[in-house]
Amino acid sequence: MSDDALAQLLEQRVAREPCAAVTRDVVDTWTEAFGTEWAECDGNVAPSVMFTTFVRPPSPPAPGETAPTGVVLHDQLKRLLDLPVAIAVGYELELSGVVHIGDQLVSEERIAALGAERSTKFGLGRDWVIEVATSTTTGTRIGIERFRMLGYRPGEPGSAPPRTPQSSLDPSWSETFDVSAESIRREAAANHVWAAAHHHTEAAQAAGLADIILDTSSQVARFAGAAQRRRPKDRIVGVDLAMKRSILPGATVTLEGIDDERSTTVSALVDGREASRATITFAL
């Protein structure tokens, strides 16, 4: 790996081509999976937390083709660092505008942070953050995504440092949902997430996973939807998701939540262990 090549990559900004216009059928497919109870979802306004769907490829790759992540710099960084597998371990979403039917969106991405090589439970790897800012083609900022990624080489075992424990919640409400291979594939497709680890067992196992896993955007929609149902009139402006363990087919997920003045913290438990935790922030 060339230090110059890495430095150049860290300086790059990649502007994507405008996506196809936002259509009602894509919104309907998404809300069929994740519900219609969103504060701003009225008339020709789409749920804000689904805007990322529109900036991804609308169709899966052809047979034999690898699904693009949709994040060019992420793919380039994996190749440059020779880290063939990268998984999301955290995700932040800032929402600043609304998406209307007929809008076209355009995004710009950059590498916001890159960590040093470290040991992980999968093997030696590195952490990085990809930031994607999205606006309408008329210049209205819609939101910013920040993907906290872990890249690694399968089959090179390492020793992961101990996790910093999170405090347990004293929840004021809970709800459950069941996860199946079919539901994982259906929800990933509704989000236009085509990565093989969310659709094909063999590909997931080749990446060191036990089976296909619930994708990041589906977790965001699930957790944000649960929080929104407790505050039906308040608009979501931010999501901060930390993922500890993969959510696999056959799981029954219990969401436990606690509300304060401006945010709701949602913990996802599988067999009594926390798999993910999200803080959902609402506009004042």
C-alpha atoms as a PDB file:
ATOM      1  CA  MET A   1       0.000   0.000   0.000  1.00  0.00           C
ATOM      2  CA  SER A   2       1.312   3.418  -0.982  1.00  0.00           C
ATOM      3  CA  ASP A   3       1.127   6.146   1.647  1.00  0.00           C
ATOM      4  CA  ASP A   4       0.606   8.664  -1.162  1.00  0.00           C
ATOM      5  CA  ALA A   5      -2.283   6.657  -2.591  1.00  0.00           C
ATOM      6  CA  LEU A   6      -3.909   6.453   0.846  1.00  0.00           C
ATOM      7  CA  ALA A   7      -3.436  10.189   1.454  1.00  0.00           C
ATOM      8  CA  GLN A   8      -5.003  10.984  -1.913  1.00  0.00           C
ATOM      9  CA  LEU A   9      -7.962   8.735  -1.169  1.00  0.00           C
ATOM     10  CA  LEU A  10      -8.549  10.437   2.180  1.00  0.00           C
ATOM     11  CA  GLU A  11      -8.693  13.794   0.413  1.00  0.00           C
ATOM     12  CA  GLN A  12     -11.175  12.705  -2.248  1.00  0.00           C
ATOM     13  CA  ARG A  13     -14.779  13.844  -2.494  1.00  0.00           C
ATOM     14  CA  VAL A  14     -17.030  11.817  -4.757  1.00  0.00           C
ATOM     15  CA  ALA A  15     -20.220  13.374  -6.109  1.00  0.00           C
ATOM     16  CA  ARG A  16     -22.729  10.833  -7.324  1.00  0.00           C
ATOM     17  CA  GLU A  17     -25.037  11.186 -10.275  1.00  0.00           C
ATOM     18  CA  PRO A  18     -28.572  12.292  -9.351  1.00  0.00           C
ATOM     19  CA  CYS A  19     -30.809   9.342  -8.583  1.00  0.00           C
ATOM     20  CA  ALA A  20     -34.067   8.617 -10.344  1.00  0.00           C
ATOM     21  CA  ALA A  21     -37.015  10.679  -9.178  1.00  0.00           C
ATOM     22  CA  VAL A  22     -38.642   9.592  -5.923  1.00  0.00           C
ATOM     23  CA  THR A  23     -41.727   7.533  -6.716  1.00  0.00           C
ATOM     24  CA  ARG A  24     -44.792   6.506  -4.763  1.00  0.00           C
ATOM     25  CA  ASP A  25     -44.320   2.785  -5.424  1.00  0.00           C
ATOM     26  CA  VAL A  26     -40.895   2.756  -3.697  1.00  0.00           C
ATOM     27  CA  VAL A  27     -42.384   4.589  -0.701  1.00  0.00           C
ATOM     28  CA  ASP A  28     -45.321   2.162  -0.572  1.00  0.00           C
ATOM     29  CA  THR A  29     -43.008  -0.879  -0.621  1.00  0.00           C
ATOM     30  CA  TRP A  30     -40.960   0.603   2.211  1.00  0.00           C
ATOM     31  CA  THR A  31     -43.943   1.588   4.388  1.00  0.00           C
ATOM     32  CA  GLU A  32     -45.479  -1.840   3.853  1.00  0.00           C
ATOM     33  CA  ALA A  33     -42.357  -3.244   5.528  1.00  0.00           C
ATOM     34  CA  PHE A  34     -41.832  -0.593   8.202  1.00  0.00           C
ATOM     35  CA  GLY A  35     -45.162   1.152   8.773  1.00  0.00           C
ATOM     36  CA  THR A  36     -46.854   4.419   7.831  1.00  0.00           C
ATOM     37  CA  GLU A  37     -46.823   6.129  11.242  1.00  0.00           C
ATOM     38  CA  TRP A  38     -44.179   8.784  10.570  1.00  0.00           C
ATOM     39  CA  ALA A  39     -44.778  12.354  11.734  1.00  0.00           C
ATOM     40  CA  GLU A  40     -43.951  13.988   8.385  1.00  0.00           C
ATOM     41  CA  CYS A  41     -45.439  11.250   6.166  1.00  0.00           C
ATOM     42  CA  ASP A  42     -48.390  13.150   4.728  1.00  0.00           C
ATOM     43  CA  GLY A  43     -49.527  13.659   1.152  1.00  0.00           C
ATOM     44  CA  ASN A  44     -46.518  13.645  -1.151  1.00  0.00           C
ATOM     45  CA  VAL A  45     -43.906  13.634   1.651  1.00  0.00           C
ATOM     46  CA  ALA A  46     -41.889  10.429   2.177  1.00  0.00           C
ATOM     47  CA  PRO A  47     -40.712   9.245   5.617  1.00  0.00           C
ATOM     48  CA  SER A  48     -37.429  11.063   6.226  1.00  0.00           C
ATOM     49  CA  VAL A  49     -35.609   8.025   7.636  1.00  0.00           C
ATOM     50  CA  MET A  50     -36.005   6.246   4.279  1.00  0.00           C
ATOM     51  CA  PHE A  51     -34.270   8.869   2.132  1.00  0.00           C
ATOM     52  CA  THR A  52     -31.176   6.676   1.914  1.00  0.00           C
ATOM     53  CA  THR A  53     -33.217   4.136  -0.063  1.00  0.00           C
ATOM     54  CA  PHE A  54     -33.439   6.507  -3.009  1.00  0.00           C
ATOM     55  CA  VAL A  55     -29.686   6.977  -3.389  1.00  0.00           C
ATOM     56  CA  ARG A  56     -28.998   3.242  -3.734  1.00  0.00           C
ATOM     57  CA  PRO A  57     -29.356   1.111  -6.876  1.00  0.00           C
ATOM     58  CA  PRO A  58     -33.071   0.274  -7.250  1.00  0.00           C
ATOM     59  CA  SER A  59     -32.433  -3.281  -8.503  1.00  0.00           C
ATOM     60  CA  PRO A  60     -30.207  -6.163  -7.380  1.00  0.00           C
ATOM     61  CA  PRO A  61     -27.087  -7.022  -9.380  1.00  0.00           C
ATOM     62  CA  ALA A  62     -27.283  -9.426 -12.288  1.00  0.00           C
ATOM     63  CA  PRO A  63     -26.349 -13.075 -11.578  1.00  0.00           C
ATOM     64  CA  GLY A  64     -22.603 -13.379 -11.184  1.00  0.00           C
ATOM     65  CA  GLU A  65     -22.104  -9.671 -10.462  1.00  0.00           C
ATOM     66  CA  THR A  66     -21.063  -8.337  -7.075  1.00  0.00           C
ATOM     67  CA  ALA A  67     -23.501  -5.952  -5.469  1.00  0.00           C
ATOM     68  CA  PRO A  68     -21.974  -2.486  -5.198  1.00  0.00           C
ATOM     69  CA  THR A  69     -22.104  -0.966  -1.756  1.00  0.00           C
ATOM     70  CA  GLY A  70     -23.085   2.327  -3.351  1.00  0.00           C
ATOM     71  CA  VAL A  71     -20.212   3.965  -1.478  1.00  0.00           C
ATOM     72  CA  VAL A  72     -17.317   4.319  -3.934  1.00  0.00           C
ATOM     73  CA  LEU A  73     -14.655   5.446  -1.461  1.00  0.00           C
ATOM     74  CA  HIS A  74     -15.549   2.613   0.890  1.00  0.00           C
ATOM     75  CA  ASP A  75     -14.925   0.062  -1.861  1.00  0.00           C
ATOM     76  CA  GLN A  76     -11.680   1.758  -2.897  1.00  0.00           C
ATOM     77  CA  LEU A  77     -10.443   1.841   0.689  1.00  0.00           C
ATOM     78  CA  LYS A  78     -11.133  -1.889   1.126  1.00  0.00           C
ATOM     79  CA  ARG A  79      -9.065  -2.664  -1.956  1.00  0.00           C
ATOM     80  CA  LEU A  80      -6.224  -0.324  -1.028  1.00  0.00           C
ATOM     81  CA  LEU A  81      -5.942  -1.737   2.493  1.00  0.00           C
ATOM     82  CA  ASP A  82      -6.433  -5.328   1.259  1.00  0.00           C
ATOM     83  CA  LEU A  83      -9.350  -5.822   3.635  1.00  0.00           C
ATOM     84  CA  PRO A  84     -11.873  -7.814   1.590  1.00  0.00           C
ATOM     85  CA  VAL A  85     -14.691  -7.768   4.133  1.00  0.00           C
ATOM     86  CA  ALA A  86     -16.153  -4.776   5.919  1.00  0.00           C
ATOM     87  CA  ILE A  87     -19.182  -4.719   8.205  1.00  0.00           C
ATOM     88  CA  ALA A  88     -21.084  -1.837   9.739  1.00  0.00           C
ATOM     89  CA  VAL A  89     -20.615  -1.600  13.510  1.00  0.00           C
ATOM     90  CA  GLY A  90     -22.322   1.754  13.928  1.00  0.00           C
ATOM     91  CA  TYR A  91     -24.333   4.254  11.962  1.00  0.00           C
ATOM     92  CA  GLU A  92     -25.437   7.852  12.392  1.00  0.00           C
ATOM     93  CA  LEU A  93     -28.176   9.620  10.491  1.00  0.00           C
ATOM     94  CA  GLU A  94     -28.802  13.366  10.591  1.00  0.00           C
ATOM     95  CA  LEU A  95     -32.095  14.505   9.071  1.00  0.00           C
ATOM     96  CA  SER A  96     -32.466  18.123   8.041  1.00  0.00           C
ATOM     97  CA  GLY A  97     -35.016  18.190   5.202  1.00  0.00           C
ATOM     98  CA  VAL A  98     -37.989  16.318   3.799  1.00  0.00           C
ATOM     99  CA  VAL A  99     -38.252  14.291   0.604  1.00  0.00           C
ATOM    100  CA  HIS A 100     -41.196  14.782  -1.732  1.00  0.00           C
ATOM    101  CA  ILE A 101     -42.502  12.508  -4.433  1.00  0.00           C
ATOM    102  CA  GLY A 102     -40.820  13.660  -7.639  1.00  0.00           C
ATOM    103  CA  ASP A 103     -37.635  14.938  -5.961  1.00  0.00           C
ATOM    104  CA  GLN A 104     -34.244  13.891  -7.282  1.00  0.00           C
ATOM    105  CA  LEU A 105     -31.430  13.427  -4.786  1.00  0.00           C
ATOM    106  CA  VAL A 106     -27.675  13.747  -5.190  1.00  0.00           C
ATOM    107  CA  SER A 107     -24.991  12.713  -2.713  1.00  0.00           C
ATOM    108  CA  GLU A 108     -21.338  13.440  -1.991  1.00  0.00           C
ATOM    109  CA  GLU A 109     -19.173  11.072  -0.001  1.00  0.00           C
ATOM    110  CA  ARG A 110     -15.868  11.279   1.837  1.00  0.00           C
ATOM    111  CA  ILE A 111     -13.776   9.233   4.257  1.00  0.00           C
ATOM    112  CA  ALA A 112     -14.277  11.080   7.535  1.00  0.00           C
ATOM    113  CA  ALA A 113     -11.928   8.974   9.698  1.00  0.00           C
ATOM    114  CA  LEU A 114      -9.507   6.020   9.440  1.00  0.00           C
ATOM    115  CA  GLY A 115      -8.167   4.116  12.434  1.00  0.00           C
ATOM    116  CA  ALA A 116      -4.938   2.181  12.891  1.00  0.00           C
ATOM    117  CA  GLU A 117      -4.733  -1.582  12.407  1.00  0.00           C
ATOM    118  CA  ARG A 118      -6.067  -3.463  15.435  1.00  0.00           C
ATOM    119  CA  SER A 119      -7.095  -6.926  16.562  1.00  0.00           C
ATOM    120  CA  THR A 120     -10.766  -7.885  16.278  1.00  0.00           C
ATOM    121  CA  LYS A 121     -12.717 -11.088  16.893  1.00  0.00           C
ATOM    122  CA  PHE A 122     -12.681 -11.630  13.119  1.00  0.00           C
ATOM    123  CA  GLY A 123      -8.941 -11.024  12.673  1.00  0.00           C
ATOM    124  CA  LEU A 124      -6.668  -8.027  12.112  1.00  0.00           C
ATOM    125  CA  GLY A 125      -8.608  -5.072  10.784  1.00  0.00           C
ATOM    126  CA  ARG A 126      -9.161  -1.332  10.762  1.00  0.00           C
ATOM    127  CA  ASP A 127     -12.023   1.010  11.551  1.00  0.00           C
ATOM    128  CA  TRP A 128     -13.167   3.838   9.319  1.00  0.00           C
ATOM    129  CA  VAL A 129     -16.059   6.260   8.922  1.00  0.00           C
ATOM    130  CA  ILE A 130     -17.680   7.025   5.583  1.00  0.00           C
ATOM    131  CA  GLU A 131     -19.753  10.202   5.446  1.00  0.00           C
ATOM    132  CA  VAL A 132     -22.409  10.686   2.763  1.00  0.00           C
ATOM    133  CA  ALA A 133     -24.221  14.026   2.495  1.00  0.00           C
ATOM    134  CA  THR A 134     -27.427  14.074   0.433  1.00  0.00           C
ATOM    135  CA  SER A 135     -29.375  17.017  -1.013  1.00  0.00           C
ATOM    136  CA  THR A 136     -32.046  17.556  -3.599  1.00  0.00           C
ATOM    137  CA  THR A 137     -30.867  18.625  -7.037  1.00  0.00           C
ATOM    138  CA  THR A 138     -32.288  22.069  -6.192  1.00  0.00           C
ATOM    139  CA  GLY A 139     -29.845  22.384  -3.275  1.00  0.00           C
ATOM    140  CA  THR A 140     -31.959  21.523  -0.216  1.00  0.00           C
ATOM    141  CA  ARG A 141     -29.956  19.429   2.264  1.00  0.00           C
ATOM    142  CA  ILE A 142     -31.840  16.276   3.195  1.00  0.00           C
ATOM    143  CA  GLY A 143     -29.425  14.525   5.532  1.00  0.00           C
ATOM    144  CA  ILE A 144     -26.017  13.087   6.335  1.00  0.00           C
ATOM    145  CA  GLU A 145     -25.111   9.444   6.908  1.00  0.00           C
ATOM    146  CA  ARG A 146     -22.019   8.313   8.779  1.00  0.00           C
ATOM    147  CA  PHE A 147     -21.115   4.644   8.481  1.00  0.00           C
ATOM    148  CA  ARG A 148     -18.808   3.307  11.196  1.00  0.00           C
ATOM    149  CA  MET A 149     -17.161   0.353   9.480  1.00  0.00           C
ATOM    150  CA  LEU A 150     -14.815  -2.458  10.462  1.00  0.00           C
ATOM    151  CA  GLY A 151     -12.743  -3.968   7.657  1.00  0.00           C
ATOM    152  CA  TYR A 152     -10.941  -7.282   8.150  1.00  0.00           C
ATOM    153  CA  ARG A 153      -9.479 -10.389   6.503  1.00  0.00           C
ATOM    154  CA  PRO A 154     -11.494 -13.556   7.217  1.00  0.00           C
ATOM    155  CA  GLY A 155      -9.458 -16.481   8.455  1.00  0.00           C
ATOM    156  CA  GLU A 156      -6.809 -14.398  10.220  1.00  0.00           C
ATOM    157  CA  PRO A 157      -7.796 -14.780  13.876  1.00  0.00           C
ATOM    158  CA  GLY A 158      -7.007 -11.996  16.259  1.00  0.00           C
ATOM    159  CA  SER A 159      -7.629 -11.049  19.850  1.00  0.00           C
ATOM    160  CA  ALA A 160     -10.264  -8.380  20.265  1.00  0.00           C
ATOM    161  CA  PRO A 161      -9.941  -5.906  23.128  1.00  0.00           C
ATOM    162  CA  PRO A 162     -12.755  -6.095  25.682  1.00  0.00           C
ATOM    163  CA  ARG A 163     -15.839  -4.002  24.946  1.00  0.00           C
ATOM    164  CA  THR A 164     -16.701  -1.046  27.103  1.00  0.00           C
ATOM    165  CA  PRO A 165     -19.936  -2.129  28.762  1.00  0.00           C
ATOM    166  CA  GLN A 166     -23.029   0.015  28.265  1.00  0.00           C
ATOM    167  CA  SER A 167     -25.314   0.761  31.152  1.00  0.00           C
ATOM    168  CA  SER A 168     -28.508  -1.285  31.215  1.00  0.00           C
ATOM    169  CA  LEU A 169     -31.790   0.439  30.490  1.00  0.00           C
ATOM    170  CA  ASP A 170     -34.719   0.791  32.860  1.00  0.00           C
ATOM    171  CA  PRO A 171     -37.269   0.581  30.053  1.00  0.00           C
ATOM    172  CA  SER A 172     -40.693   2.186  30.122  1.00  0.00           C
ATOM    173  CA  TRP A 173     -42.010   0.149  27.183  1.00  0.00           C
ATOM    174  CA  SER A 174     -41.188  -2.876  25.069  1.00  0.00           C
ATOM    175  CA  GLU A 175     -42.314  -4.636  21.907  1.00  0.00           C
ATOM    176  CA  THR A 176     -41.127  -7.670  19.953  1.00  0.00           C
ATOM    177  CA  PHE A 177     -40.716  -8.787  16.356  1.00  0.00           C
ATOM    178  CA  ASP A 178     -39.652 -12.072  14.780  1.00  0.00           C
ATOM    179  CA  VAL A 179     -36.852 -12.336  12.232  1.00  0.00           C
ATOM    180  CA  SER A 180     -36.720 -14.875   9.411  1.00  0.00           C
ATOM    181  CA  ALA A 181     -34.517 -15.263   6.363  1.00  0.00           C
ATOM    182  CA  GLU A 182     -37.485 -14.136   4.281  1.00  0.00           C
ATOM    183  CA  SER A 183     -38.049 -11.000   6.379  1.00  0.00           C
ATOM    184  CA  ILE A 184     -34.350 -10.085   6.256  1.00  0.00           C
ATOM    185  CA  ARG A 185     -34.328 -10.331   2.454  1.00  0.00           C
ATOM    186  CA  ARG A 186     -37.657  -8.491   2.097  1.00  0.00           C
ATOM    187  CA  GLU A 187     -36.630  -5.591   4.330  1.00  0.00           C
ATOM    188  CA  ALA A 188     -33.194  -5.291   2.718  1.00  0.00           C
ATOM    189  CA  ALA A 189     -34.872  -5.136  -0.698  1.00  0.00           C
ATOM    190  CA  ALA A 190     -37.303  -2.466   0.530  1.00  0.00           C
ATOM    191  CA  ASN A 191     -34.246  -0.400   1.507  1.00  0.00           C
ATOM    192  CA  HIS A 192     -32.481  -1.151  -1.813  1.00  0.00           C
ATOM    193  CA  VAL A 193     -29.706  -2.890   0.139  1.00  0.00           C
ATOM    194  CA  TRP A 194     -28.303  -5.600  -2.122  1.00  0.00           C
ATOM    195  CA  ALA A 195     -25.126  -6.698  -0.299  1.00  0.00           C
ATOM    196  CA  ALA A 196     -24.883 -10.481  -0.423  1.00  0.00           C
ATOM    197  CA  ALA A 197     -24.583 -10.828   3.367  1.00  0.00           C
ATOM    198  CA  HIS A 198     -28.261  -9.814   3.617  1.00  0.00           C
ATOM    199  CA  HIS A 199     -29.529 -12.137   0.882  1.00  0.00           C
ATOM    200  CA  HIS A 200     -27.328 -15.241   0.453  1.00  0.00           C
ATOM    201  CA  THR A 201     -26.320 -17.611   3.252  1.00  0.00           C
ATOM    202  CA  GLU A 202     -23.197 -18.823   1.445  1.00  0.00           C
ATOM    203  CA  ALA A 203     -21.891 -15.270   1.005  1.00  0.00           C
ATOM    204  CA  ALA A 204     -22.596 -14.423   4.647  1.00  0.00           C
ATOM    205  CA  GLN A 205     -20.750 -17.518   5.843  1.00  0.00           C
ATOM    206  CA  ALA A 206     -17.796 -16.728   3.574  1.00  0.00           C
ATOM    207  CA  ALA A 207     -17.585 -13.399   5.424  1.00  0.00           C
ATOM    208  CA  GLY A 208     -17.383 -15.205   8.759  1.00  0.00           C
ATOM    209  CA  LEU A 209     -21.058 -14.811   9.699  1.00  0.00           C
ATOM    210  CA  ALA A 210     -23.372 -17.611  10.762  1.00  0.00           C
ATOM    211  CA  ASP A 211     -26.082 -16.667   8.249  1.00  0.00           C
ATOM    212  CA  ILE A 212     -27.568 -13.634   6.525  1.00  0.00           C
ATOM    213  CA  ILE A 213     -28.020 -10.700   8.886  1.00  0.00           C
ATOM    214  CA  LEU A 214     -30.501  -7.875   9.383  1.00  0.00           C
ATOM    215  CA  ASP A 215     -29.107  -4.859   7.534  1.00  0.00           C
ATOM    216  CA  THR A 216     -28.317  -1.484   9.090  1.00  0.00           C
ATOM    217  CA  SER A 217     -31.094   0.460   7.360  1.00  0.00           C
ATOM    218  CA  SER A 218     -33.697  -2.078   8.466  1.00  0.00           C
ATOM    219  CA  GLN A 219     -32.516  -1.747  12.055  1.00  0.00           C
ATOM    220  CA  VAL A 220     -32.769   2.036  11.765  1.00  0.00           C
ATOM    221  CA  ALA A 221     -36.312   1.746  10.426  1.00  0.00           C
ATOM    222  CA  ARG A 222     -37.348  -0.773  13.079  1.00  0.00           C
ATOM    223  CA  PHE A 223     -35.916   1.175  16.024  1.00  0.00           C
ATOM    224  CA  ALA A 224     -36.962   4.604  14.755  1.00  0.00           C
ATOM    225  CA  GLY A 225     -40.449   3.307  14.034  1.00  0.00           C
ATOM    226  CA  ALA A 226     -40.820   1.993  17.573  1.00  0.00           C
ATOM    227  CA  ALA A 227     -39.693   5.361  18.973  1.00  0.00           C
ATOM    228  CA  GLN A 228     -41.961   7.269  16.574  1.00  0.00           C
ATOM    229  CA  ARG A 229     -45.028   5.352  17.734  1.00  0.00           C
ATOM    230  CA  ARG A 230     -44.478   6.779  21.223  1.00  0.00           C
ATOM    231  CA  ARG A 231     -44.205  10.333  19.829  1.00  0.00           C
ATOM    232  CA  PRO A 232     -46.559  10.351  16.830  1.00  0.00           C
ATOM    233  CA  LYS A 233     -46.428  14.127  16.333  1.00  0.00           C
ATOM    234  CA  ASP A 234     -42.679  14.669  16.802  1.00  0.00           C
ATOM    235  CA  ARG A 235     -40.341  14.611  13.809  1.00  0.00           C
ATOM    236  CA  ILE A 236     -37.182  12.491  13.960  1.00  0.00           C
ATOM    237  CA  VAL A 237     -34.004  14.480  13.253  1.00  0.00           C
ATOM    238  CA  GLY A 238     -31.287  11.993  14.192  1.00  0.00           C
ATOM    239  CA  VAL A 239     -30.448   8.329  14.720  1.00  0.00           C
ATOM    240  CA  ASP A 240     -27.260   6.996  16.334  1.00  0.00           C
ATOM    241  CA  LEU A 241     -27.037   3.215  16.110  1.00  0.00           C
ATOM    242  CA  ALA A 242     -24.392   0.975  17.696  1.00  0.00           C
ATOM    243  CA  MET A 243     -24.356  -2.701  16.703  1.00  0.00           C
ATOM    244  CA  LYS A 244     -22.779  -5.326  18.956  1.00  0.00           C
ATOM    245  CA  ARG A 245     -24.045  -8.606  17.528  1.00  0.00           C
ATOM    246  CA  SER A 246     -25.597  -9.683  14.268  1.00  0.00           C
ATOM    247  CA  ILE A 247     -29.352 -10.301  14.189  1.00  0.00           C
ATOM    248  CA  LEU A 248     -29.914 -13.633  12.436  1.00  0.00           C
ATOM    249  CA  PRO A 249     -32.842 -15.627  11.080  1.00  0.00           C
ATOM    250  CA  GLY A 250     -34.862 -17.294  13.822  1.00  0.00           C
ATOM    251  CA  ALA A 251     -34.356 -14.498  16.329  1.00  0.00           C
ATOM    252  CA  THR A 252     -37.126 -12.947  18.358  1.00  0.00           C
ATOM    253  CA  VAL A 253     -36.044  -9.366  18.988  1.00  0.00           C
ATOM    254  CA  THR A 254     -37.310  -7.493  22.020  1.00  0.00           C
ATOM    255  CA  LEU A 255     -37.102  -3.728  21.727  1.00  0.00           C
ATOM    256  CA  GLU A 256     -36.961  -1.932  25.067  1.00  0.00           C
ATOM    257  CA  GLY A 257     -37.188   1.834  25.200  1.00  0.00           C
ATOM    258  CA  ILE A 258     -36.835   4.750  27.532  1.00  0.00           C
ATOM    259  CA  ASP A 259     -37.905   8.293  26.665  1.00  0.00           C
ATOM    260  CA  ASP A 260     -36.624  11.657  27.782  1.00  0.00           C
ATOM    261  CA  GLU A 261     -37.521  15.181  26.713  1.00  0.00           C
ATOM    262  CA  ARG A 262     -35.932  15.089  23.270  1.00  0.00           C
ATOM    263  CA  SER A 263     -34.824  11.523  22.581  1.00  0.00           C
ATOM    264  CA  THR A 264     -35.697   7.871  22.929  1.00  0.00           C
ATOM    265  CA  THR A 265     -33.106   5.168  23.580  1.00  0.00           C
ATOM    266  CA  VAL A 266     -34.008   1.769  22.145  1.00  0.00           C
ATOM    267  CA  SER A 267     -32.194  -1.450  23.025  1.00  0.00           C
ATOM    268  CA  ALA A 268     -32.616  -4.615  20.922  1.00  0.00           C
ATOM    269  CA  LEU A 269     -32.320  -7.840  22.919  1.00  0.00           C
ATOM    270  CA  VAL A 270     -31.972 -11.336  21.496  1.00  0.00           C
ATOM    271  CA  ASP A 271     -32.068 -14.200  24.018  1.00  0.00           C
ATOM    272  CA  GLY A 272     -31.594 -11.648  26.779  1.00  0.00           C
ATOM    273  CA  ARG A 273     -28.399 -10.176  25.278  1.00  0.00           C
ATOM    274  CA  GLU A 274     -28.177  -6.727  23.721  1.00  0.00           C
ATOM    275  CA  ALA A 275     -27.566  -6.878  19.971  1.00  0.00           C
ATOM    276  CA  SER A 276     -27.950  -3.180  19.127  1.00  0.00           C
ATOM    277  CA  ARG A 277     -28.786   0.127  20.745  1.00  0.00           C
ATOM    278  CA  ALA A 278     -30.034   3.289  19.106  1.00  0.00           C
ATOM    279  CA  THR A 279     -30.686   6.819  20.272  1.00  0.00           C
ATOM    280  CA  ILE A 280     -33.484   8.475  18.315  1.00  0.00           C
ATOM    281  CA  THR A 281     -33.486  12.271  18.530  1.00  0.00           C
ATOM    282  CA  PHE A 282     -36.570  14.381  17.891  1.00  0.00           C
ATOM    283  CA  ALA A 283     -36.986  18.037  16.918  1.00  0.00           C
ATOM    284  CA  LEU A 284     -37.791  20.350  19.809  1.00  0.00           C
END
